[in-house]
C-alpha atoms as a PDB file:
ATOM      1  CA  MET A   1     -88.416 108.364 -90.904  1.00  0.00           C
ATOM      2  CA  TYR A   2     -90.479 105.287 -90.037  1.00  0.00           C
ATOM      3  CA  GLU A   3     -90.158 102.580 -87.409  1.00  0.00           C
ATOM      4  CA  VAL A   4     -90.295  98.816 -87.876  1.00  0.00           C
ATOM      5  CA  ILE A   5     -91.018  96.589 -84.892  1.00  0.00           C
ATOM      6  CA  LEU A   6     -90.644  92.840 -84.400  1.00  0.00           C
ATOM      7  CA  TYR A   7     -92.304  91.228 -81.390  1.00  0.00           C
ATOM      8  CA  TYR A   8     -94.066  88.181 -79.959  1.00  0.00           C
ATOM      9  CA  LYS A   9     -95.796  87.111 -76.798  1.00  0.00           C
ATOM     10  CA  PHE A  10     -96.794  83.647 -75.663  1.00  0.00           C
ATOM     11  CA  ASN A  11    -100.053  84.138 -73.792  1.00  0.00           C
ATOM     12  CA  LYS A  12    -103.184  81.991 -74.041  1.00  0.00           C
ATOM     13  CA  ILE A  13    -105.939  83.476 -76.211  1.00  0.00           C
ATOM     14  CA  ASP A  14    -109.283  81.744 -75.669  1.00  0.00           C
ATOM     15  CA  ASP A  15    -110.929  83.042 -78.850  1.00  0.00           C
ATOM     16  CA  PRO A  16    -108.229  83.734 -81.483  1.00  0.00           C
ATOM     17  CA  GLU A  17    -110.737  84.529 -84.253  1.00  0.00           C
ATOM     18  CA  THR A  18    -112.450  87.304 -82.308  1.00  0.00           C
ATOM     19  CA  PHE A  19    -109.119  88.613 -81.009  1.00  0.00           C
ATOM     20  CA  CYS A  20    -107.815  88.671 -84.592  1.00  0.00           C
ATOM     21  CA  GLU A  21    -110.838  90.523 -85.983  1.00  0.00           C
ATOM     22  CA  GLU A  22    -110.656  93.190 -83.300  1.00  0.00           C
ATOM     23  CA  HIS A  23    -106.880  93.525 -83.612  1.00  0.00           C
ATOM     24  CA  LYS A  24    -107.011  93.800 -87.391  1.00  0.00           C
ATOM     25  CA  SER A  25    -109.692  96.480 -87.176  1.00  0.00           C
ATOM     26  CA  PHE A  26    -107.568  98.499 -84.738  1.00  0.00           C
ATOM     27  CA  CYS A  27    -104.478  98.209 -86.973  1.00  0.00           C
ATOM     28  CA  LYS A  28    -106.412  99.225 -90.093  1.00  0.00           C
ATOM     29  CA  ASP A  29    -107.804 102.298 -88.368  1.00  0.00           C
ATOM     30  CA  LEU A  30    -104.319 103.152 -87.104  1.00  0.00           C
ATOM     31  CA  GLY A  31    -102.802 102.786 -90.576  1.00  0.00           C
ATOM     32  CA  VAL A  32     -99.884 100.467 -89.816  1.00  0.00           C
ATOM     33  CA  LYS A  33     -98.729  97.770 -92.246  1.00  0.00           C
ATOM     34  CA  GLY A  34     -97.073  94.417 -91.718  1.00  0.00           C
ATOM     35  CA  ARG A  35     -97.854  90.855 -90.675  1.00  0.00           C
ATOM     36  CA  ILE A  36     -99.463  89.633 -87.469  1.00  0.00           C
ATOM     37  CA  TYR A  37    -100.184  86.000 -86.629  1.00  0.00           C
ATOM     38  CA  ILE A  38    -102.499  85.074 -83.786  1.00  0.00           C
ATOM     39  CA  SER A  39    -103.243  81.678 -82.260  1.00  0.00           C
ATOM     40  CA  GLU A  40    -104.322  80.169 -78.963  1.00  0.00           C
ATOM     41  CA  GLU A  41    -100.686  80.369 -77.839  1.00  0.00           C
ATOM     42  CA  GLY A  42    -100.288  84.127 -78.397  1.00  0.00           C
ATOM     43  CA  ILE A  43     -99.226  86.716 -80.969  1.00  0.00           C
ATOM     44  CA  ASN A  44     -96.280  87.144 -83.343  1.00  0.00           C
ATOM     45  CA  GLY A  45     -95.892  90.229 -85.490  1.00  0.00           C
ATOM     46  CA  THR A  46     -93.784  92.683 -87.418  1.00  0.00           C
ATOM     47  CA  LEU A  47     -95.186  96.105 -88.298  1.00  0.00           C
ATOM     48  CA  GLY A  48     -94.122  99.405 -89.800  1.00  0.00           C
ATOM     49  CA  GLY A  49     -95.431 102.939 -89.427  1.00  0.00           C
ATOM     50  CA  THR A  50     -94.608 106.400 -88.198  1.00  0.00           C
ATOM     51  CA  PRO A  51     -93.102 106.676 -84.703  1.00  0.00           C
ATOM     52  CA  GLU A  52     -96.471 107.998 -83.488  1.00  0.00           C
ATOM     53  CA  GLN A  53     -98.380 105.087 -85.014  1.00  0.00           C
ATOM     54  CA  VAL A  54     -95.964 102.542 -83.613  1.00  0.00           C
ATOM     55  CA  ALA A  55     -96.121 104.117 -80.142  1.00  0.00           C
ATOM     56  CA  THR A  56     -99.924 103.979 -80.236  1.00  0.00           C
ATOM     57  CA  TYR A  57     -99.833 100.345 -81.326  1.00  0.00           C
ATOM     58  CA  LYS A  58     -97.433  99.372 -78.547  1.00  0.00           C
ATOM     59  CA  GLU A  59     -99.573 101.136 -75.965  1.00  0.00           C
ATOM     60  CA  HIS A  60    -102.689  99.359 -77.226  1.00  0.00           C
ATOM     61  CA  LEU A  61    -101.186  95.864 -77.338  1.00  0.00           C
ATOM     62  CA  THR A  62     -99.487  96.068 -73.948  1.00  0.00           C
ATOM     63  CA  SER A  63    -102.722  97.323 -72.381  1.00  0.00           C
ATOM     64  CA  LEU A  64    -104.464  94.032 -73.198  1.00  0.00           C
ATOM     65  CA  PRO A  65    -104.587  91.484 -70.352  1.00  0.00           C
ATOM     66  CA  GLY A  66    -101.534  89.206 -70.458  1.00  0.00           C
ATOM     67  CA  PHE A  67     -99.679  91.202 -73.098  1.00  0.00           C
ATOM     68  CA  ASP A  68     -97.613  93.531 -70.948  1.00  0.00           C
ATOM     69  CA  ASN A  69     -93.811  93.383 -70.854  1.00  0.00           C
ATOM     70  CA  ILE A  70     -93.421  92.629 -74.562  1.00  0.00           C
ATOM     71  CA  ASP A  71     -89.849  92.857 -75.838  1.00  0.00           C
ATOM     72  CA  PHE A  72     -90.254  95.029 -78.947  1.00  0.00           C
ATOM     73  CA  LYS A  73     -87.263  95.031 -81.294  1.00  0.00           C
ATOM     74  CA  THR A  74     -87.310  98.414 -83.037  1.00  0.00           C
ATOM     75  CA  ASP A  75     -85.472  99.609 -86.121  1.00  0.00           C
ATOM     76  CA  GLU A  76     -85.634 102.733 -88.288  1.00  0.00           C
ATOM     77  CA  SER A  77     -86.386 102.783 -91.999  1.00  0.00           C
ATOM     78  CA  ASP A  78     -86.814 105.540 -94.559  1.00  0.00           C
ATOM     79  CA  TYR A  79     -89.901 103.764 -95.904  1.00  0.00           C
ATOM     80  CA  ILE A  80     -92.501 101.283 -94.653  1.00  0.00           C
ATOM     81  CA  PRO A  81     -91.151  97.917 -95.842  1.00  0.00           C
ATOM     82  CA  PHE A  82     -94.554  96.238 -96.147  1.00  0.00           C
ATOM     83  CA  ALA A  83     -97.060  96.335 -98.992  1.00  0.00           C
ATOM     84  CA  LYS A  84    -100.140  95.885 -96.821  1.00  0.00           C
ATOM     85  CA  LEU A  85    -101.489  94.693 -93.496  1.00  0.00           C
ATOM     86  CA  ILE A  86    -101.984  90.974 -92.914  1.00  0.00           C
ATOM     87  CA  CYS A  87    -103.543  89.893 -89.634  1.00  0.00           C
ATOM     88  CA  LYS A  88    -104.689  86.272 -89.472  1.00  0.00           C
ATOM     89  CA  THR A  89    -105.024  83.265 -87.207  1.00  0.00           C
ATOM     90  CA  ARG A  90    -102.751  80.241 -87.403  1.00  0.00           C
ATOM     91  CA  ASP A  91    -102.422  76.969 -85.530  1.00  0.00           C
ATOM     92  CA  GLU A  92     -99.103  78.202 -84.094  1.00  0.00           C
ATOM     93  CA  ILE A  93     -97.545  81.661 -84.028  1.00  0.00           C
ATOM     94  CA  VAL A  94     -94.294  79.988 -85.059  1.00  0.00           C
ATOM     95  CA  ALA A  95     -94.801  76.610 -86.711  1.00  0.00           C
ATOM     96  CA  LEU A  96     -92.824  73.714 -85.212  1.00  0.00           C
ATOM     97  CA  HIS A  97     -95.628  71.197 -85.864  1.00  0.00           C
ATOM     98  CA  LYS A  98     -95.260  69.627 -82.419  1.00  0.00           C
ATOM     99  CA  GLU A  99     -97.862  69.642 -79.678  1.00  0.00           C
ATOM    100  CA  ASP A 100     -97.360  70.597 -76.033  1.00  0.00           C
ATOM    101  CA  VAL A 101     -94.228  72.686 -76.586  1.00  0.00           C
ATOM    102  CA  ASP A 102     -94.430  75.089 -73.669  1.00  0.00           C
ATOM    103  CA  PRO A 103     -91.897  77.962 -73.899  1.00  0.00           C
ATOM    104  CA  ALA A 104     -92.022  78.246 -70.115  1.00  0.00           C
ATOM    105  CA  ARG A 105     -89.978  75.029 -70.052  1.00  0.00           C
ATOM    106  CA  GLY A 106     -87.354  76.430 -72.403  1.00  0.00           C
ATOM    107  CA  GLY A 107     -83.740  77.411 -72.002  1.00  0.00           C
ATOM    108  CA  LYS A 108     -82.132  80.105 -69.929  1.00  0.00           C
ATOM    109  CA  TYR A 109     -82.164  83.648 -71.314  1.00  0.00           C
ATOM    110  CA  LEU A 110     -78.808  85.282 -71.920  1.00  0.00           C
ATOM    111  CA  GLU A 111     -78.970  89.051 -72.238  1.00  0.00           C
ATOM    112  CA  PRO A 112     -76.861  90.476 -75.097  1.00  0.00           C
ATOM    113  CA  HIS A 113     -73.990  91.444 -72.797  1.00  0.00           C
ATOM    114  CA  GLU A 114     -74.026  87.991 -71.172  1.00  0.00           C
ATOM    115  CA  TRP A 115     -74.040  86.340 -74.595  1.00  0.00           C
ATOM    116  CA  ARG A 116     -71.011  88.350 -75.633  1.00  0.00           C
ATOM    117  CA  GLU A 117     -69.228  87.471 -72.395  1.00  0.00           C
ATOM    118  CA  VAL A 118     -69.699  83.747 -73.060  1.00  0.00           C
ATOM    119  CA  LEU A 119     -68.515  84.093 -76.664  1.00  0.00           C
ATOM    120  CA  GLU A 120     -65.384  85.864 -75.441  1.00  0.00           C
ATOM    121  CA  SER A 121     -64.737  83.419 -72.588  1.00  0.00           C
ATOM    122  CA  ASP A 122     -62.826  80.137 -72.535  1.00  0.00           C
ATOM    123  CA  GLU A 123     -66.005  78.149 -71.873  1.00  0.00           C
ATOM    124  CA  ASP A 124     -66.634  75.048 -73.906  1.00  0.00           C
ATOM    125  CA  TYR A 125     -69.924  75.433 -75.775  1.00  0.00           C
ATOM    126  CA  VAL A 126     -71.715  74.690 -79.026  1.00  0.00           C
ATOM    127  CA  LEU A 127     -73.450  77.493 -80.914  1.00  0.00           C
ATOM    128  CA  ILE A 128     -76.577  76.775 -83.004  1.00  0.00           C
ATOM    129  CA  ASP A 129     -78.284  79.074 -85.513  1.00  0.00           C
ATOM    130  CA  VAL A 130     -82.025  78.360 -85.209  1.00  0.00           C
ATOM    131  CA  ARG A 131     -82.986  79.864 -88.569  1.00  0.00           C
ATOM    132  CA  ASN A 132     -83.516  78.628 -92.098  1.00  0.00           C
ATOM    133  CA  ASP A 133     -80.481  78.000 -94.279  1.00  0.00           C
ATOM    134  CA  TYR A 134     -81.144  80.936 -96.610  1.00  0.00           C
ATOM    135  CA  GLU A 135     -81.031  83.235 -93.562  1.00  0.00           C
ATOM    136  CA  SER A 136     -77.787  81.950 -92.062  1.00  0.00           C
ATOM    137  CA  LYS A 137     -76.175  81.870 -95.503  1.00  0.00           C
ATOM    138  CA  ILE A 138     -75.822  85.655 -95.572  1.00  0.00           C
ATOM    139  CA  GLY A 139     -75.054  86.188 -91.881  1.00  0.00           C
ATOM    140  CA  HIS A 140     -74.342  84.273 -88.664  1.00  0.00           C
ATOM    141  CA  PHE A 141     -72.280  84.293 -85.497  1.00  0.00           C
ATOM    142  CA  GLU A 142     -68.693  83.112 -85.788  1.00  0.00           C
ATOM    143  CA  GLY A 143     -68.392  79.386 -85.256  1.00  0.00           C
ATOM    144  CA  ALA A 144     -72.128  78.678 -85.344  1.00  0.00           C
ATOM    145  CA  ILE A 145     -73.658  75.458 -86.620  1.00  0.00           C
ATOM    146  CA  THR A 146     -75.955  76.496 -89.472  1.00  0.00           C
ATOM    147  CA  PRO A 147     -78.482  73.682 -90.107  1.00  0.00           C
ATOM    148  CA  ASN A 148     -79.343  72.812 -93.691  1.00  0.00           C
ATOM    149  CA  VAL A 149     -83.107  73.272 -93.274  1.00  0.00           C
ATOM    150  CA  GLU A 150     -85.539  75.373 -95.307  1.00  0.00           C
ATOM    151  CA  ASN A 151     -88.324  75.555 -92.709  1.00  0.00           C
ATOM    152  CA  PHE A 152     -88.440  75.831 -88.939  1.00  0.00           C
ATOM    153  CA  TYR A 153     -90.639  72.729 -88.665  1.00  0.00           C
ATOM    154  CA  GLU A 154     -87.731  70.649 -90.000  1.00  0.00           C
ATOM    155  CA  PHE A 155     -85.719  71.255 -86.811  1.00  0.00           C
ATOM    156  CA  PRO A 156     -87.236  68.352 -84.812  1.00  0.00           C
ATOM    157  CA  GLU A 157     -85.906  65.895 -87.401  1.00  0.00           C
ATOM    158  CA  TRP A 158     -82.601  67.766 -87.566  1.00  0.00           C
ATOM    159  CA  VAL A 159     -82.035  67.591 -83.810  1.00  0.00           C
ATOM    160  CA  ASP A 160     -82.741  63.844 -83.822  1.00  0.00           C
ATOM    161  CA  ASN A 161     -79.546  63.432 -85.846  1.00  0.00           C
ATOM    162  CA  LEU A 162     -77.492  65.944 -83.860  1.00  0.00           C
ATOM    163  CA  GLU A 163     -74.287  64.356 -82.582  1.00  0.00           C
ATOM    164  CA  ILE A 164     -73.398  66.657 -79.697  1.00  0.00           C
ATOM    165  CA  ASP A 165     -72.577  65.501 -76.173  1.00  0.00           C
ATOM    166  CA  LYS A 166     -75.623  65.946 -73.922  1.00  0.00           C
ATOM    167  CA  ASP A 167     -73.349  67.514 -71.264  1.00  0.00           C
ATOM    168  CA  LYS A 168     -72.265  70.248 -73.655  1.00  0.00           C
ATOM    169  CA  LYS A 169     -73.279  73.869 -73.011  1.00  0.00           C
ATOM    170  CA  VAL A 170     -75.661  74.886 -75.801  1.00  0.00           C
ATOM    171  CA  LEU A 171     -76.088  78.455 -77.056  1.00  0.00           C
ATOM    172  CA  MET A 172     -78.796  79.188 -79.621  1.00  0.00           C
ATOM    173  CA  TYR A 173     -80.037  82.275 -81.416  1.00  0.00           C
ATOM    174  CA  CYS A 174     -82.499  83.424 -84.074  1.00  0.00           C
ATOM    175  CA  THR A 175     -83.673  86.758 -85.489  1.00  0.00           C
ATOM    176  CA  GLY A 176     -85.855  88.021 -82.643  1.00  0.00           C
ATOM    177  CA  GLY A 177     -85.990  85.130 -80.178  1.00  0.00           C
ATOM    178  CA  ILE A 178     -89.278  83.366 -80.914  1.00  0.00           C
ATOM    179  CA  ARG A 179     -87.868  80.281 -82.630  1.00  0.00           C
ATOM    180  CA  CYS A 180     -85.457  79.691 -79.758  1.00  0.00           C
ATOM    181  CA  GLU A 181     -88.393  79.755 -77.334  1.00  0.00           C
ATOM    182  CA  LYS A 182     -89.647  76.505 -78.845  1.00  0.00           C
ATOM    183  CA  PHE A 183     -86.434  74.888 -80.029  1.00  0.00           C
ATOM    184  CA  SER A 184     -84.863  75.225 -76.579  1.00  0.00           C
ATOM    185  CA  VAL A 185     -87.780  73.213 -75.154  1.00  0.00           C
ATOM    186  CA  LEU A 186     -87.195  70.540 -77.770  1.00  0.00           C
ATOM    187  CA  MET A 187     -83.477  70.290 -76.965  1.00  0.00           C
ATOM    188  CA  LYS A 188     -84.167  69.964 -73.254  1.00  0.00           C
ATOM    189  CA  GLU A 189     -86.695  67.231 -73.945  1.00  0.00           C
ATOM    190  CA  LYS A 190     -84.025  65.434 -75.983  1.00  0.00           C
ATOM    191  CA  GLY A 191     -81.635  65.406 -73.020  1.00  0.00           C
ATOM    192  CA  TRP A 192     -79.534  68.571 -73.160  1.00  0.00           C
ATOM    193  CA  ASP A 193     -79.624  70.355 -69.790  1.00  0.00           C
ATOM    194  CA  ASP A 194     -77.461  73.469 -70.199  1.00  0.00           C
ATOM    195  CA  VAL A 195     -79.527  75.182 -72.899  1.00  0.00           C
ATOM    196  CA  ASN A 196     -79.220  78.954 -73.357  1.00  0.00           C
ATOM    197  CA  GLN A 197     -80.912  81.355 -75.775  1.00  0.00           C
ATOM    198  CA  LEU A 198     -80.024  84.883 -76.859  1.00  0.00           C
ATOM    199  CA  HIS A 199     -82.752  87.092 -75.388  1.00  0.00           C
ATOM    200  CA  GLY A 200     -84.115  89.361 -78.103  1.00  0.00           C
ATOM    201  CA  GLY A 201     -82.196  87.566 -80.819  1.00  0.00           C
ATOM    202  CA  ILE A 202     -79.776  88.977 -83.365  1.00  0.00           C
ATOM    203  CA  LEU A 203     -81.640  92.266 -83.712  1.00  0.00           C
ATOM    204  CA  ARG A 204     -81.427  93.190 -80.040  1.00  0.00           C
ATOM    205  CA  TYR A 205     -77.826  92.005 -79.828  1.00  0.00           C
ATOM    206  CA  GLY A 206     -76.906  94.245 -82.754  1.00  0.00           C
ATOM    207  CA  LYS A 207     -78.466  97.266 -81.051  1.00  0.00           C
ATOM    208  CA  GLU A 208     -76.939  96.680 -77.626  1.00  0.00           C
ATOM    209  CA  GLU A 209     -73.556  95.100 -78.384  1.00  0.00           C
ATOM    210  CA  GLY A 210     -72.810  96.465 -81.840  1.00  0.00           C
ATOM    211  CA  GLY A 211     -73.024  93.034 -83.435  1.00  0.00           C
ATOM    212  CA  VAL A 212     -69.550  91.985 -82.296  1.00  0.00           C
ATOM    213  CA  HIS A 213     -68.774  88.397 -83.429  1.00  0.00           C
ATOM    214  CA  PHE A 214     -71.562  88.445 -86.020  1.00  0.00           C
ATOM    215  CA  LYS A 215     -70.477  88.079 -89.644  1.00  0.00           C
ATOM    216  CA  GLY A 216     -72.543  89.330 -92.575  1.00  0.00           C
ATOM    217  CA  LYS A 217     -76.064  90.728 -92.319  1.00  0.00           C
ATOM    218  CA  CYS A 218     -79.393  89.649 -90.859  1.00  0.00           C
ATOM    219  CA  PHE A 219     -82.172  88.437 -93.132  1.00  0.00           C
ATOM    220  CA  VAL A 220     -85.575  89.993 -92.368  1.00  0.00           C
ATOM    221  CA  PHE A 221     -88.990  89.087 -93.757  1.00  0.00           C
ATOM    222  CA  ASP A 222     -89.902  92.423 -95.268  1.00  0.00           C
ATOM    223  CA  ASP A 223     -88.926  94.585 -98.219  1.00  0.00           C
ATOM    224  CA  ARG A 224     -85.575  95.479 -96.683  1.00  0.00           C
ATOM    225  CA  LEU A 225     -84.454  91.846 -97.042  1.00  0.00           C
ATOM    226  CA  VAL A 226     -81.271  92.363 -95.047  1.00  0.00           C
ATOM    227  CA  VAL A 227     -80.249  94.711 -92.256  1.00  0.00           C
ATOM    228  CA  PRO A 228     -76.780  95.389 -90.822  1.00  0.00           C
ATOM    229  CA  VAL A 229     -75.846  93.878 -87.469  1.00  0.00           C
ATOM    230  CA  ASN A 230     -72.162  94.676 -87.045  1.00  0.00           C
ATOM    231  CA  GLU A 231     -71.634  98.041 -88.741  1.00  0.00           C
ATOM    232  CA  LYS A 232     -67.869  97.674 -88.344  1.00  0.00           C
ATOM    233  CA  ASP A 233     -67.929  94.507 -90.441  1.00  0.00           C
ATOM    234  CA  MET A 234     -70.298  94.893 -93.400  1.00  0.00           C
ATOM    235  CA  GLU A 235     -68.502  92.595 -95.825  1.00  0.00           C
ATOM    236  CA  PRO A 236     -70.758  89.971 -97.459  1.00  0.00           C
ATOM    237  CA  ILE A 237     -70.012  86.391 -96.433  1.00  0.00           C
ATOM    238  CA  ALA A 238     -72.046  84.797 -99.245  1.00  0.00           C
ATOM    239  CA  GLU A 239     -71.297  84.710-102.966  1.00  0.00           C
ATOM    240  CA  CYS A 240     -73.348  85.611-106.007  1.00  0.00           C
ATOM    241  CA  GLU A 241     -74.491  82.348-107.569  1.00  0.00           C
ATOM    242  CA  ILE A 242     -73.902  83.795-111.040  1.00  0.00           C
ATOM    243  CA  THR A 243     -70.548  85.587-110.765  1.00  0.00           C
ATOM    244  CA  GLY A 244     -69.058  83.989-107.657  1.00  0.00           C
ATOM    245  CA  LYS A 245     -68.292  87.433-106.236  1.00  0.00           C
ATOM    246  CA  PRO A 246     -69.201  88.502-102.671  1.00  0.00           C
ATOM    247  CA  ALA A 247     -72.903  89.390-102.348  1.00  0.00           C
ATOM    248  CA  ASP A 248     -75.690  89.381 -99.766  1.00  0.00           C
ATOM    249  CA  THR A 249     -78.756  90.256-101.840  1.00  0.00           C
ATOM    250  CA  TYR A 250     -81.471  87.717-102.582  1.00  0.00           C
ATOM    251  CA  ILE A 251     -83.721  87.743-105.628  1.00  0.00           C
ATOM    252  CA  ASN A 252     -86.256  85.311-107.087  1.00  0.00           C
ATOM    253  CA  CYS A 253     -85.477  83.784-110.464  1.00  0.00           C
ATOM    254  CA  ALA A 254     -87.326  85.697-113.180  1.00  0.00           C
ATOM    255  CA  ASN A 255     -88.507  82.413-114.676  1.00  0.00           C
ATOM    256  CA  MET A 256     -91.969  82.099-113.132  1.00  0.00           C
ATOM    257  CA  GLN A 257     -91.839  78.299-113.377  1.00  0.00           C
ATOM    258  CA  CYS A 258     -88.662  78.319-111.291  1.00  0.00           C
ATOM    259  CA  ASN A 259     -88.892  81.311-108.924  1.00  0.00           C
ATOM    260  CA  LYS A 260     -85.810  80.037-107.085  1.00  0.00           C
ATOM    261  CA  LEU A 261     -84.616  82.189-104.209  1.00  0.00           C
ATOM    262  CA  PHE A 262     -80.899  82.801-104.708  1.00  0.00           C
ATOM    263  CA  VAL A 263     -78.073  85.164-103.787  1.00  0.00           C
ATOM    264  CA  CYS A 264     -77.329  87.448-106.702  1.00  0.00           C
ATOM    265  CA  SER A 265     -75.264  90.580-107.259  1.00  0.00           C
ATOM    266  CA  GLU A 266     -76.360  93.418-109.508  1.00  0.00           C
ATOM    267  CA  GLU A 267     -73.757  92.316-112.034  1.00  0.00           C
ATOM    268  CA  GLY A 268     -75.099  88.767-111.996  1.00  0.00           C
ATOM    269  CA  ALA A 269     -78.697  89.911-112.287  1.00  0.00           C
ATOM    270  CA  ARG A 270     -77.890  92.015-115.332  1.00  0.00           C
ATOM    271  CA  LYS A 271     -75.893  89.211-116.927  1.00  0.00           C
ATOM    272  CA  MET A 272     -78.678  86.621-116.528  1.00  0.00           C
ATOM    273  CA  GLU A 273     -81.611  89.051-116.789  1.00  0.00           C
ATOM    274  CA  GLY A 274     -82.707  88.160-113.264  1.00  0.00           C
ATOM    275  CA  CYS A 275     -82.535  84.389-113.813  1.00  0.00           C
ATOM    276  CA  CYS A 276     -80.636  81.710-111.928  1.00  0.00           C
ATOM    277  CA  SER A 277     -79.489  79.799-115.027  1.00  0.00           C
ATOM    278  CA  GLU A 278     -79.201  80.026-118.782  1.00  0.00           C
ATOM    279  CA  GLU A 279     -82.078  77.574-119.115  1.00  0.00           C
ATOM    280  CA  CYS A 280     -84.315  79.890-117.102  1.00  0.00           C
ATOM    281  CA  ARG A 281     -83.103  82.916-119.057  1.00  0.00           C
ATOM    282  CA  GLN A 282     -84.328  81.256-122.239  1.00  0.00           C
ATOM    283  CA  SER A 283     -87.714  80.312-120.758  1.00  0.00           C
ATOM    284  CA  GLU A 284     -90.876  81.644-122.342  1.00  0.00           C
ATOM    285  CA  TYR A 285     -92.197  82.148-118.808  1.00  0.00           C
ATOM    286  CA  LYS A 286     -89.516  84.690-117.866  1.00  0.00           C
ATOM    287  CA  ARG A 287     -90.695  87.940-116.283  1.00  0.00           C
ATOM    288  CA  PRO A 288     -89.381  91.155-117.876  1.00  0.00           C
ATOM    289  CA  PHE A 289     -86.161  92.277-116.182  1.00  0.00           C
ATOM    290  CA  ASP A 290     -85.830  95.940-115.203  1.00  0.00           C
ATOM    291  CA  PRO A 291     -82.150  96.567-114.356  1.00  0.00           C
ATOM    292  CA  GLU A 292     -82.822 100.077-113.055  1.00  0.00           C
ATOM    293  CA  ASN A 293     -85.259  98.915-110.399  1.00  0.00           C
ATOM    294  CA  ALA A 294     -84.081  95.359-109.791  1.00  0.00           C
ATOM    295  CA  PHE A 295     -82.313  96.189-106.543  1.00  0.00           C
ATOM    296  CA  ARG A 296     -84.734  98.683-105.110  1.00  0.00           C
ATOM    297  CA  PRO A 297     -87.107  97.502-102.351  1.00  0.00           C
ATOM    298  CA  PHE A 298     -88.928  94.432-103.642  1.00  0.00           C
ATOM    299  CA  ARG A 299     -92.688  94.211-103.331  1.00  0.00           C
ATOM    300  CA  LYS A 300     -92.380  90.831-104.990  1.00  0.00           C
ATOM    301  CA  TRP A 301     -90.274  89.657-102.026  1.00  0.00           C
ATOM    302  CA  TYR A 302     -93.094  90.412 -99.691  1.00  0.00           C
ATOM    303  CA  ASN A 303     -95.478  88.555-101.977  1.00  0.00           C
ATOM    304  CA  TYR A 304     -93.082  85.617-102.233  1.00  0.00           C
ATOM    305  CA  PHE A 305     -92.979  85.073 -98.511  1.00  0.00           C
ATOM    306  CA  ASP A 306     -96.673  85.789 -98.097  1.00  0.00           C
ATOM    307  CA  GLU A 307     -97.489  83.068-100.630  1.00  0.00           C
ATOM    308  CA  ASP A 308     -94.950  80.797 -98.946  1.00  0.00           C
ATOM    309  CA  PHE A 309     -96.803  81.128 -95.656  1.00  0.00           C
ATOM    310  CA  LYS A 310    -100.148  80.535 -97.405  1.00  0.00           C
ATOM    311  CA  GLU A 311     -98.857  77.320 -98.919  1.00  0.00           C
ATOM    312  CA  ARG A 312     -97.629  76.122 -95.539  1.00  0.00           C
ATOM    313  CA  GLU A 313    -100.959  76.862 -93.948  1.00  0.00           C
ATOM    314  CA  LEU A 314    -102.737  74.840 -96.626  1.00  0.00           C
ATOM    315  CA  GLU A 315    -100.371  71.950 -95.980  1.00  0.00           C
ATOM    316  CA  GLU A 316    -101.033  72.141 -92.249  1.00  0.00           C
ATOM    317  CA  LYS A 317    -104.779  71.837 -92.800  1.00  0.00           C
ATOM    318  CA  LYS A 318    -104.556  68.734 -94.989  1.00  0.00           C
END
């Protein structure tokens, strides 16, 4: 059995390049795999390895000045859901594309039990899912607003058009908490005062409160794709875009010129040979479809998101 950890820490790093080189060297020697992003504002990572490797990594990271008290979200897996180790510097550890967003000025933390208490109370509040639309499509809290955005850096424009009373109590959540750290600052700057964020995100809530009030599954950026949150309610809330039947599995269209990310069942994938449309199925650029392995852990998923991040970084540098 292996462990997968998700974590972040906002802490000023004076020389991100040197920090990154040293950190990458340590991780390579240790043998862990995953993705780590480092910037002047801190570190954001998700890694997989044996329990012993993960324990050693945690001990090393928290021993560095300013990186103690990290809230590691830990899950078990029967394989390491990463193809390789990526450790690189970025302008931001989570890209909002806005300057001077200090998480220290963000919203109030609600621990998982406090979050559940509010959801089960008679309080008047608005609940916002601070994730991309393809994430919330397969799982979200009951009654949440799920913004139609494909990237986190689209949220500033989205909130400018948000028609919610500024006196309203705001609850927000994301996968592990990092996106709320910045978005809560943005909402407070826009005039909302009672801003609250789920401490540790969906993953910690699922561990501590059993995922009560969460529908569907949680999208994760590794080969697992989705993980359960509420094990008493595992029914898919999305539909296969081919058959219309309940499904919560994403695949990329087998047409390399399309590569659309879409929800697809095994039945739908077989029917369309891994494509999102008949036009794509007939394309000369279609990848071979292997029905026996189509729904096993996807290395191509990892590559898809890795390339996605590379493209965003190139755009940021223009």
